[in-house]
């Protein structure tokens, strides 16, 4: 397989370590950019920088990073799922669904694709399909609190506050 440049790996891990510190978290962006400069074909820094931008509420920049990752590795499951979810959040449900489904065909054990698709089905009004996807995600990785966070958002959006509270309770238990 592809062997990334050692400097790029080092910069990537410096970015990850910067995120662990509240004071140094913003420095992660520069570390990820340095990793990309050191090895532009290395996909992980693009995905990490995209995730960084998502958390900073900069979806356009995140989208750009995921697209660059996919330009280098067209079947990268993480980039496909994250870009798909960005599309869903932009209201482009069909495009997002296609990307997430493509990722699931490549790697069906990647949990975020399942709960993203569950969230998407709920937006389409398909509650049973949505709950089924959340159940699939929980079977794969029952300790992923985001499954229950997305499920709670679905219930909350539907006005099912008791179910939402149960899901939020599960989130806090897992955190």
N, C-alpha and C. Protein backbone atom coordinates (compact mmCIF):
# COMPACT_ATOMS: atom_id res chain seq x y z
N UNK A 1 0.81 -1.18 0.00
CA UNK A 1 0.00 0.00 0.00
C UNK A 1 0.85 1.25 0.00
N UNK A 2 0.18 2.37 -0.06
CA UNK A 2 0.85 3.66 -0.10
C UNK A 2 1.55 3.94 1.23
N UNK A 3 2.80 4.36 1.16
CA UNK A 3 3.57 4.72 2.35
C UNK A 3 3.76 6.23 2.39
N UNK A 4 3.08 6.93 3.29
CA UNK A 4 3.21 8.39 3.34
C UNK A 4 4.58 8.82 3.87
N UNK A 5 4.91 10.05 3.55
CA UNK A 5 6.16 10.65 4.01
C UNK A 5 6.17 10.69 5.54
N UNK A 6 7.33 10.40 6.13
CA UNK A 6 7.44 10.35 7.59
C UNK A 6 7.20 11.71 8.23
N UNK A 7 7.63 12.78 7.57
CA UNK A 7 7.36 14.12 8.10
C UNK A 7 5.86 14.40 8.12
N UNK A 8 5.18 13.95 7.09
CA UNK A 8 3.73 14.17 7.02
C UNK A 8 3.03 13.43 8.16
N UNK A 9 3.47 12.23 8.45
CA UNK A 9 2.88 11.47 9.57
C UNK A 9 3.13 12.20 10.88
N UNK A 10 4.35 12.68 11.06
CA UNK A 10 4.70 13.40 12.28
C UNK A 10 3.82 14.65 12.44
N UNK A 11 3.66 15.42 11.36
CA UNK A 11 2.82 16.63 11.41
C UNK A 11 1.37 16.27 11.71
N UNK A 12 0.90 15.17 11.13
CA UNK A 12 -0.48 14.73 11.38
C UNK A 12 -0.68 14.45 12.87
N UNK A 13 0.26 13.73 13.47
CA UNK A 13 0.13 13.41 14.90
C UNK A 13 0.30 14.64 15.78
N UNK A 14 1.10 15.59 15.33
CA UNK A 14 1.21 16.85 16.08
C UNK A 14 -0.14 17.57 16.07
N UNK A 15 -0.83 17.51 14.93
CA UNK A 15 -2.17 18.09 14.86
C UNK A 15 -3.14 17.39 15.78
N UNK A 16 -3.09 16.06 15.80
CA UNK A 16 -3.97 15.31 16.70
C UNK A 16 -3.68 15.66 18.16
N UNK A 17 -2.41 15.76 18.51
CA UNK A 17 -2.05 16.10 19.88
C UNK A 17 -2.46 17.52 20.24
N UNK A 18 -2.39 18.44 19.28
CA UNK A 18 -2.81 19.82 19.54
C UNK A 18 -4.29 19.89 19.87
N UNK A 19 -5.08 19.03 19.24
CA UNK A 19 -6.52 19.04 19.50
C UNK A 19 -6.87 18.64 20.93
N UNK A 20 -5.97 17.90 21.57
CA UNK A 20 -6.24 17.45 22.94
C UNK A 20 -6.12 18.58 23.95
N UNK A 21 -5.43 19.65 23.58
CA UNK A 21 -5.24 20.79 24.47
C UNK A 21 -6.22 21.89 24.10
N UNK A 22 -6.90 22.45 25.09
CA UNK A 22 -7.84 23.52 24.81
C UNK A 22 -7.13 24.77 24.29
N UNK A 23 -5.94 25.05 24.84
CA UNK A 23 -5.21 26.25 24.41
C UNK A 23 -4.56 26.09 23.04
N UNK A 24 -4.20 24.88 22.70
CA UNK A 24 -3.46 24.64 21.47
C UNK A 24 -4.32 24.06 20.34
N UNK A 25 -5.61 23.92 20.55
CA UNK A 25 -6.46 23.25 19.57
C UNK A 25 -6.43 23.92 18.20
N UNK A 26 -6.37 25.22 18.18
CA UNK A 26 -6.37 25.92 16.89
C UNK A 26 -5.08 25.70 16.11
N UNK A 27 -4.02 25.32 16.79
CA UNK A 27 -2.75 25.04 16.11
C UNK A 27 -2.84 23.78 15.25
N UNK A 28 -3.82 22.95 15.50
CA UNK A 28 -3.98 21.71 14.74
C UNK A 28 -4.14 22.01 13.25
N UNK A 29 -4.85 23.07 12.93
CA UNK A 29 -5.05 23.43 11.53
C UNK A 29 -3.71 23.58 10.80
N UNK A 30 -2.78 24.29 11.42
CA UNK A 30 -1.47 24.49 10.79
C UNK A 30 -0.69 23.19 10.66
N UNK A 31 -0.77 22.34 11.67
CA UNK A 31 -0.08 21.05 11.59
C UNK A 31 -0.64 20.20 10.45
N UNK A 32 -1.95 20.18 10.31
CA UNK A 32 -2.56 19.40 9.23
C UNK A 32 -2.14 19.97 7.86
N UNK A 33 -2.10 21.29 7.76
CA UNK A 33 -1.67 21.91 6.50
C UNK A 33 -0.22 21.57 6.19
N UNK A 34 0.62 21.54 7.21
CA UNK A 34 2.02 21.16 7.00
C UNK A 34 2.13 19.71 6.56
N UNK A 35 1.28 18.85 7.12
CA UNK A 35 1.28 17.44 6.71
C UNK A 35 0.87 17.32 5.25
N UNK A 36 -0.09 18.10 4.83
CA UNK A 36 -0.54 18.08 3.43
C UNK A 36 0.59 18.59 2.52
N UNK A 37 1.28 19.64 2.94
CA UNK A 37 2.41 20.16 2.16
C UNK A 37 3.51 19.12 2.05
N UNK A 38 3.78 18.42 3.13
CA UNK A 38 4.86 17.42 3.14
C UNK A 38 4.53 16.24 2.23
N UNK A 39 3.24 15.87 2.13
CA UNK A 39 2.84 14.75 1.29
C UNK A 39 1.40 14.95 0.83
N UNK A 40 1.19 15.63 -0.30
CA UNK A 40 -0.16 15.92 -0.77
C UNK A 40 -1.01 14.69 -1.08
N UNK A 41 -0.39 13.55 -1.33
CA UNK A 41 -1.13 12.33 -1.65
C UNK A 41 -1.61 11.59 -0.40
N UNK A 42 -1.14 12.00 0.77
CA UNK A 42 -1.52 11.39 2.04
C UNK A 42 -2.92 11.89 2.41
N UNK A 43 -3.87 10.98 2.46
CA UNK A 43 -5.29 11.33 2.62
C UNK A 43 -5.65 11.72 4.05
N UNK A 44 -5.03 11.11 5.04
CA UNK A 44 -5.42 11.33 6.44
C UNK A 44 -5.38 12.80 6.87
N UNK A 45 -4.39 13.59 6.49
CA UNK A 45 -4.42 15.00 6.90
C UNK A 45 -5.59 15.78 6.29
N UNK A 46 -5.98 15.42 5.06
CA UNK A 46 -7.14 16.08 4.45
C UNK A 46 -8.40 15.77 5.25
N UNK A 47 -8.56 14.52 5.63
CA UNK A 47 -9.74 14.12 6.40
C UNK A 47 -9.72 14.78 7.78
N UNK A 48 -8.56 14.80 8.42
CA UNK A 48 -8.44 15.42 9.74
C UNK A 48 -8.72 16.92 9.67
N UNK A 49 -8.21 17.57 8.63
CA UNK A 49 -8.47 19.01 8.46
C UNK A 49 -9.95 19.24 8.16
N UNK A 50 -10.55 18.36 7.38
CA UNK A 50 -11.98 18.46 7.12
C UNK A 50 -12.79 18.33 8.40
N UNK A 51 -12.43 17.36 9.24
CA UNK A 51 -13.11 17.20 10.54
C UNK A 51 -12.91 18.42 11.42
N UNK A 52 -11.71 18.99 11.38
CA UNK A 52 -11.41 20.20 12.14
C UNK A 52 -12.35 21.33 11.70
N UNK A 53 -12.51 21.49 10.39
CA UNK A 53 -13.37 22.56 9.87
C UNK A 53 -14.84 22.30 10.19
N UNK A 54 -15.27 21.05 10.20
CA UNK A 54 -16.65 20.74 10.56
C UNK A 54 -16.92 21.19 12.00
N UNK A 55 -15.98 20.88 12.89
CA UNK A 55 -16.14 21.26 14.30
C UNK A 55 -16.09 22.78 14.49
N UNK A 56 -15.44 23.48 13.57
CA UNK A 56 -15.34 24.94 13.64
C UNK A 56 -16.44 25.62 12.84
N UNK A 57 -17.42 24.83 12.37
CA UNK A 57 -18.56 25.32 11.59
C UNK A 57 -18.11 26.06 10.33
N UNK A 58 -17.22 25.41 9.59
CA UNK A 58 -16.75 25.92 8.30
C UNK A 58 -16.97 24.84 7.25
N UNK A 59 -18.25 24.59 6.90
CA UNK A 59 -18.55 23.46 6.01
C UNK A 59 -17.94 23.57 4.61
N UNK A 60 -17.80 24.77 4.08
CA UNK A 60 -17.23 24.91 2.73
C UNK A 60 -15.77 24.44 2.72
N UNK A 61 -15.02 24.81 3.76
CA UNK A 61 -13.62 24.39 3.84
C UNK A 61 -13.52 22.89 4.09
N UNK A 62 -14.42 22.37 4.90
CA UNK A 62 -14.44 20.93 5.17
C UNK A 62 -14.73 20.16 3.89
N UNK A 63 -15.71 20.63 3.16
CA UNK A 63 -16.10 19.98 1.91
C UNK A 63 -14.91 19.92 0.94
N UNK A 64 -14.19 21.01 0.87
CA UNK A 64 -13.01 21.07 0.00
C UNK A 64 -11.97 20.01 0.39
N UNK A 65 -11.74 19.84 1.69
CA UNK A 65 -10.76 18.85 2.15
C UNK A 65 -11.21 17.43 1.86
N UNK A 66 -12.50 17.15 2.06
CA UNK A 66 -13.00 15.80 1.77
C UNK A 66 -12.91 15.51 0.28
N UNK A 67 -13.20 16.52 -0.54
CA UNK A 67 -13.10 16.33 -1.99
C UNK A 67 -11.66 16.08 -2.41
N UNK A 68 -10.71 16.77 -1.78
CA UNK A 68 -9.30 16.53 -2.09
C UNK A 68 -8.89 15.12 -1.67
N UNK A 69 -9.39 14.67 -0.54
CA UNK A 69 -9.10 13.30 -0.11
C UNK A 69 -9.65 12.30 -1.12
N UNK A 70 -10.85 12.56 -1.61
CA UNK A 70 -11.46 11.65 -2.59
C UNK A 70 -10.75 11.72 -3.95
N UNK A 71 -10.15 12.86 -4.26
CA UNK A 71 -9.38 12.97 -5.50
C UNK A 71 -8.16 12.05 -5.46
N UNK A 72 -7.60 11.88 -4.27
CA UNK A 72 -6.44 11.00 -4.11
C UNK A 72 -6.84 9.54 -3.94
N UNK A 73 -7.94 9.32 -3.23
CA UNK A 73 -8.40 7.96 -2.93
C UNK A 73 -9.92 7.93 -3.06
N UNK A 74 -10.39 7.61 -4.25
CA UNK A 74 -11.81 7.73 -4.60
C UNK A 74 -12.74 6.88 -3.74
N UNK A 75 -12.23 5.81 -3.14
CA UNK A 75 -13.10 4.95 -2.35
C UNK A 75 -12.79 5.03 -0.85
N UNK A 76 -12.37 6.20 -0.40
CA UNK A 76 -12.11 6.40 1.02
C UNK A 76 -13.45 6.54 1.75
N UNK A 77 -13.76 5.59 2.58
CA UNK A 77 -15.06 5.50 3.25
C UNK A 77 -15.32 6.71 4.16
N UNK A 78 -14.31 7.12 4.89
CA UNK A 78 -14.49 8.24 5.82
C UNK A 78 -14.83 9.51 5.05
N UNK A 79 -14.06 9.80 4.02
CA UNK A 79 -14.30 11.01 3.23
C UNK A 79 -15.67 10.96 2.56
N UNK A 80 -16.05 9.79 2.04
CA UNK A 80 -17.37 9.65 1.41
C UNK A 80 -18.50 9.92 2.39
N UNK A 81 -18.41 9.31 3.58
CA UNK A 81 -19.47 9.50 4.58
C UNK A 81 -19.54 10.94 5.07
N UNK A 82 -18.39 11.52 5.37
CA UNK A 82 -18.39 12.88 5.90
C UNK A 82 -18.86 13.89 4.85
N UNK A 83 -18.42 13.71 3.61
CA UNK A 83 -18.89 14.59 2.54
C UNK A 83 -20.39 14.39 2.31
N UNK A 84 -20.84 13.14 2.39
CA UNK A 84 -22.27 12.86 2.26
C UNK A 84 -23.08 13.57 3.33
N UNK A 85 -22.59 13.56 4.55
CA UNK A 85 -23.32 14.22 5.64
C UNK A 85 -23.32 15.73 5.46
N UNK A 86 -22.23 16.28 4.95
CA UNK A 86 -22.21 17.72 4.66
C UNK A 86 -23.28 18.05 3.61
N UNK A 87 -23.40 17.19 2.61
CA UNK A 87 -24.42 17.41 1.57
C UNK A 87 -25.83 17.35 2.17
N UNK A 88 -26.05 16.40 3.06
CA UNK A 88 -27.35 16.29 3.72
C UNK A 88 -27.65 17.57 4.50
N UNK A 89 -26.65 18.07 5.21
CA UNK A 89 -26.84 19.30 5.99
C UNK A 89 -27.10 20.52 5.10
N UNK A 90 -26.61 20.46 3.86
CA UNK A 90 -26.87 21.55 2.90
C UNK A 90 -28.24 21.40 2.25
N UNK A 91 -28.93 20.29 2.53
CA UNK A 91 -30.23 20.06 1.93
C UNK A 91 -30.17 19.26 0.65
N UNK A 92 -28.99 18.80 0.27
CA UNK A 92 -28.82 17.98 -0.94
C UNK A 92 -28.91 16.51 -0.54
N UNK A 93 -30.14 16.10 -0.21
CA UNK A 93 -30.36 14.76 0.34
C UNK A 93 -29.97 13.65 -0.62
N UNK A 94 -30.33 13.78 -1.89
CA UNK A 94 -30.04 12.70 -2.84
C UNK A 94 -28.53 12.52 -3.05
N UNK A 95 -27.81 13.64 -3.18
CA UNK A 95 -26.36 13.55 -3.36
C UNK A 95 -25.69 12.96 -2.13
N UNK A 96 -26.12 13.42 -0.95
CA UNK A 96 -25.57 12.90 0.29
C UNK A 96 -25.86 11.42 0.46
N UNK A 97 -27.07 11.03 0.14
CA UNK A 97 -27.47 9.63 0.26
C UNK A 97 -26.64 8.74 -0.67
N UNK A 98 -26.39 9.22 -1.88
CA UNK A 98 -25.60 8.45 -2.84
C UNK A 98 -24.18 8.23 -2.32
N UNK A 99 -23.58 9.27 -1.75
CA UNK A 99 -22.22 9.15 -1.21
C UNK A 99 -22.17 8.18 -0.03
N UNK A 100 -23.13 8.31 0.87
CA UNK A 100 -23.15 7.44 2.06
C UNK A 100 -23.40 5.99 1.65
N UNK A 101 -24.31 5.78 0.72
CA UNK A 101 -24.57 4.41 0.24
C UNK A 101 -23.34 3.82 -0.46
N UNK A 102 -22.64 4.65 -1.20
CA UNK A 102 -21.41 4.19 -1.87
C UNK A 102 -20.39 3.75 -0.82
N UNK A 103 -20.26 4.54 0.25
CA UNK A 103 -19.33 4.18 1.32
C UNK A 103 -19.74 2.88 2.00
N UNK A 104 -21.03 2.69 2.22
CA UNK A 104 -21.51 1.46 2.85
C UNK A 104 -21.25 0.22 1.99
N UNK A 105 -21.32 0.40 0.68
CA UNK A 105 -21.02 -0.73 -0.22
C UNK A 105 -19.54 -1.10 -0.14
N UNK A 106 -18.70 -0.11 0.10
CA UNK A 106 -17.26 -0.36 0.20
C UNK A 106 -16.92 -1.00 1.54
N UNK A 107 -17.48 -0.44 2.62
CA UNK A 107 -17.18 -0.93 3.98
C UNK A 107 -18.44 -0.82 4.83
N UNK A 108 -19.16 -1.92 4.97
CA UNK A 108 -20.43 -1.88 5.69
C UNK A 108 -20.26 -1.84 7.20
N UNK A 109 -19.06 -1.99 7.70
CA UNK A 109 -18.85 -1.97 9.15
C UNK A 109 -18.46 -0.59 9.67
N UNK A 110 -18.45 0.42 8.83
CA UNK A 110 -18.11 1.78 9.28
C UNK A 110 -19.35 2.41 9.91
N UNK A 111 -19.36 2.49 11.21
CA UNK A 111 -20.54 2.88 11.98
C UNK A 111 -21.14 4.24 11.60
N UNK A 112 -20.34 5.31 11.43
CA UNK A 112 -20.96 6.60 11.12
C UNK A 112 -21.85 6.59 9.88
N UNK A 113 -21.51 5.79 8.89
CA UNK A 113 -22.38 5.74 7.70
C UNK A 113 -23.77 5.26 8.06
N UNK A 114 -23.86 4.33 9.00
CA UNK A 114 -25.16 3.79 9.40
C UNK A 114 -25.99 4.86 10.11
N UNK A 115 -25.39 5.58 11.06
CA UNK A 115 -26.23 6.56 11.76
C UNK A 115 -26.46 7.81 10.92
N UNK A 116 -25.56 8.13 10.00
CA UNK A 116 -25.83 9.23 9.07
C UNK A 116 -27.02 8.88 8.18
N UNK A 117 -27.03 7.64 7.69
CA UNK A 117 -28.12 7.20 6.84
C UNK A 117 -29.42 7.14 7.64
N UNK A 118 -29.33 6.75 8.92
CA UNK A 118 -30.51 6.77 9.78
C UNK A 118 -31.08 8.17 9.94
N UNK A 119 -30.20 9.13 10.12
CA UNK A 119 -30.61 10.53 10.24
C UNK A 119 -31.24 11.00 8.93
N UNK A 120 -30.63 10.61 7.81
CA UNK A 120 -31.14 10.99 6.50
C UNK A 120 -32.53 10.40 6.25
N UNK A 121 -32.70 9.13 6.58
CA UNK A 121 -34.02 8.51 6.41
C UNK A 121 -35.08 9.24 7.23
N UNK A 122 -34.73 9.68 8.41
CA UNK A 122 -35.69 10.42 9.24
C UNK A 122 -36.07 11.74 8.57
N UNK A 123 -35.09 12.39 7.94
CA UNK A 123 -35.39 13.64 7.21
C UNK A 123 -36.34 13.39 6.06
N UNK A 124 -36.26 12.18 5.48
CA UNK A 124 -37.15 11.81 4.38
C UNK A 124 -38.50 11.30 4.88
N UNK A 125 -38.66 11.19 6.21
CA UNK A 125 -39.92 10.72 6.78
C UNK A 125 -40.04 9.21 6.89
N UNK A 126 -38.93 8.52 6.73
CA UNK A 126 -38.92 7.05 6.81
C UNK A 126 -38.41 6.62 8.18
N UNK A 127 -39.28 6.73 9.19
CA UNK A 127 -38.86 6.47 10.56
C UNK A 127 -38.42 5.02 10.78
N UNK A 128 -39.14 4.06 10.23
CA UNK A 128 -38.77 2.65 10.43
C UNK A 128 -37.39 2.35 9.85
N UNK A 129 -37.12 2.85 8.65
CA UNK A 129 -35.80 2.66 8.03
C UNK A 129 -34.73 3.36 8.87
N UNK A 130 -35.08 4.52 9.38
CA UNK A 130 -34.16 5.29 10.22
C UNK A 130 -33.78 4.50 11.47
N UNK A 131 -34.77 4.00 12.17
CA UNK A 131 -34.52 3.25 13.40
C UNK A 131 -33.75 1.96 13.11
N UNK A 132 -34.02 1.36 11.97
CA UNK A 132 -33.29 0.16 11.57
C UNK A 132 -31.80 0.47 11.39
N UNK A 133 -31.49 1.61 10.77
CA UNK A 133 -30.09 1.98 10.57
C UNK A 133 -29.40 2.27 11.91
N UNK A 134 -30.13 2.91 12.84
CA UNK A 134 -29.55 3.16 14.16
C UNK A 134 -29.28 1.84 14.88
N UNK A 135 -30.20 0.88 14.74
CA UNK A 135 -29.99 -0.44 15.34
C UNK A 135 -28.78 -1.14 14.73
N UNK A 136 -28.63 -1.04 13.41
CA UNK A 136 -27.46 -1.62 12.75
C UNK A 136 -26.17 -1.02 13.29
N UNK A 137 -26.17 0.29 13.45
CA UNK A 137 -24.98 0.98 13.98
C UNK A 137 -24.67 0.51 15.39
N UNK A 138 -25.71 0.35 16.20
CA UNK A 138 -25.51 -0.10 17.59
C UNK A 138 -25.00 -1.53 17.65
N UNK A 139 -25.39 -2.36 16.70
CA UNK A 139 -24.87 -3.73 16.65
C UNK A 139 -23.38 -3.74 16.31
N UNK A 140 -22.98 -2.85 15.43
CA UNK A 140 -21.58 -2.79 15.02
C UNK A 140 -20.71 -2.23 16.14
N UNK A 141 -21.16 -1.12 16.73
CA UNK A 141 -20.36 -0.46 17.77
C UNK A 141 -21.29 0.12 18.83
N UNK A 142 -21.69 -0.66 19.81
CA UNK A 142 -22.63 -0.17 20.82
C UNK A 142 -22.08 0.93 21.73
N UNK A 143 -20.78 1.16 21.69
CA UNK A 143 -20.18 2.17 22.56
C UNK A 143 -20.02 3.54 21.88
N UNK A 144 -20.50 3.68 20.65
CA UNK A 144 -20.41 4.95 19.94
C UNK A 144 -21.58 5.83 20.35
N UNK A 145 -21.28 6.85 21.14
CA UNK A 145 -22.34 7.71 21.67
C UNK A 145 -23.05 8.52 20.58
N UNK A 146 -22.39 8.72 19.45
CA UNK A 146 -23.00 9.54 18.39
C UNK A 146 -24.23 8.87 17.78
N UNK A 147 -24.29 7.55 17.85
CA UNK A 147 -25.48 6.84 17.38
C UNK A 147 -26.70 7.38 18.12
N UNK A 148 -26.58 7.45 19.42
CA UNK A 148 -27.71 7.85 20.25
C UNK A 148 -27.96 9.36 20.18
N UNK A 149 -26.90 10.14 19.90
CA UNK A 149 -27.07 11.58 19.74
C UNK A 149 -27.89 11.88 18.48
N UNK A 150 -27.56 11.20 17.39
CA UNK A 150 -28.34 11.39 16.16
C UNK A 150 -29.76 10.86 16.31
N UNK A 151 -29.89 9.76 17.00
CA UNK A 151 -31.22 9.19 17.24
C UNK A 151 -32.05 10.16 18.07
N UNK A 152 -31.44 10.77 19.08
CA UNK A 152 -32.15 11.74 19.91
C UNK A 152 -32.59 12.94 19.08
N UNK A 153 -31.72 13.39 18.17
CA UNK A 153 -32.09 14.52 17.30
C UNK A 153 -33.31 14.17 16.44
N UNK A 154 -33.36 12.93 15.98
CA UNK A 154 -34.49 12.49 15.17
C UNK A 154 -35.77 12.53 16.01
N UNK A 155 -35.72 11.95 17.20
CA UNK A 155 -36.91 11.94 18.05
C UNK A 155 -37.32 13.35 18.46
N UNK A 156 -36.34 14.17 18.77
CA UNK A 156 -36.64 15.54 19.16
C UNK A 156 -37.31 16.29 18.02
N UNK A 157 -36.83 16.09 16.80
CA UNK A 157 -37.43 16.74 15.63
C UNK A 157 -38.85 16.28 15.36
N UNK A 158 -39.16 15.07 15.78
CA UNK A 158 -40.51 14.53 15.59
C UNK A 158 -41.43 14.83 16.78
N UNK A 159 -40.89 15.49 17.80
CA UNK A 159 -41.70 15.80 18.97
C UNK A 159 -41.87 14.66 19.95
N UNK A 160 -41.09 13.60 19.77
CA UNK A 160 -41.14 12.45 20.68
C UNK A 160 -40.10 12.67 21.77
N UNK A 161 -40.47 13.50 22.72
CA UNK A 161 -39.51 13.96 23.72
C UNK A 161 -39.07 12.89 24.71
N UNK A 162 -39.94 11.95 25.05
CA UNK A 162 -39.55 10.89 25.97
C UNK A 162 -38.47 10.01 25.34
N UNK A 163 -38.67 9.65 24.07
CA UNK A 163 -37.69 8.83 23.36
C UNK A 163 -36.37 9.60 23.18
N UNK A 164 -36.50 10.89 22.92
CA UNK A 164 -35.31 11.74 22.78
C UNK A 164 -34.53 11.77 24.09
N UNK A 165 -35.25 11.92 25.19
CA UNK A 165 -34.59 11.96 26.50
C UNK A 165 -33.88 10.64 26.80
N UNK A 166 -34.51 9.52 26.43
CA UNK A 166 -33.87 8.21 26.64
C UNK A 166 -32.57 8.11 25.83
N UNK A 167 -32.61 8.59 24.61
CA UNK A 167 -31.41 8.54 23.78
C UNK A 167 -30.32 9.46 24.32
N UNK A 168 -30.71 10.65 24.75
CA UNK A 168 -29.72 11.58 25.34
C UNK A 168 -29.13 10.98 26.62
N UNK A 169 -29.95 10.30 27.40
CA UNK A 169 -29.45 9.64 28.61
C UNK A 169 -28.38 8.61 28.25
N UNK A 170 -28.61 7.89 27.17
CA UNK A 170 -27.64 6.88 26.72
C UNK A 170 -26.33 7.57 26.28
N UNK A 171 -26.45 8.73 25.66
CA UNK A 171 -25.27 9.50 25.26
C UNK A 171 -24.43 9.81 26.49
N UNK A 172 -25.07 10.32 27.53
CA UNK A 172 -24.34 10.70 28.74
C UNK A 172 -23.75 9.49 29.45
N UNK A 173 -24.42 8.38 29.40
CA UNK A 173 -23.87 7.15 29.99
C UNK A 173 -22.59 6.74 29.28
N UNK A 174 -22.58 6.87 27.96
CA UNK A 174 -21.43 6.42 27.19
C UNK A 174 -20.26 7.40 27.24
N UNK A 175 -20.57 8.66 27.43
CA UNK A 175 -19.50 9.66 27.53
C UNK A 175 -18.87 9.54 28.89
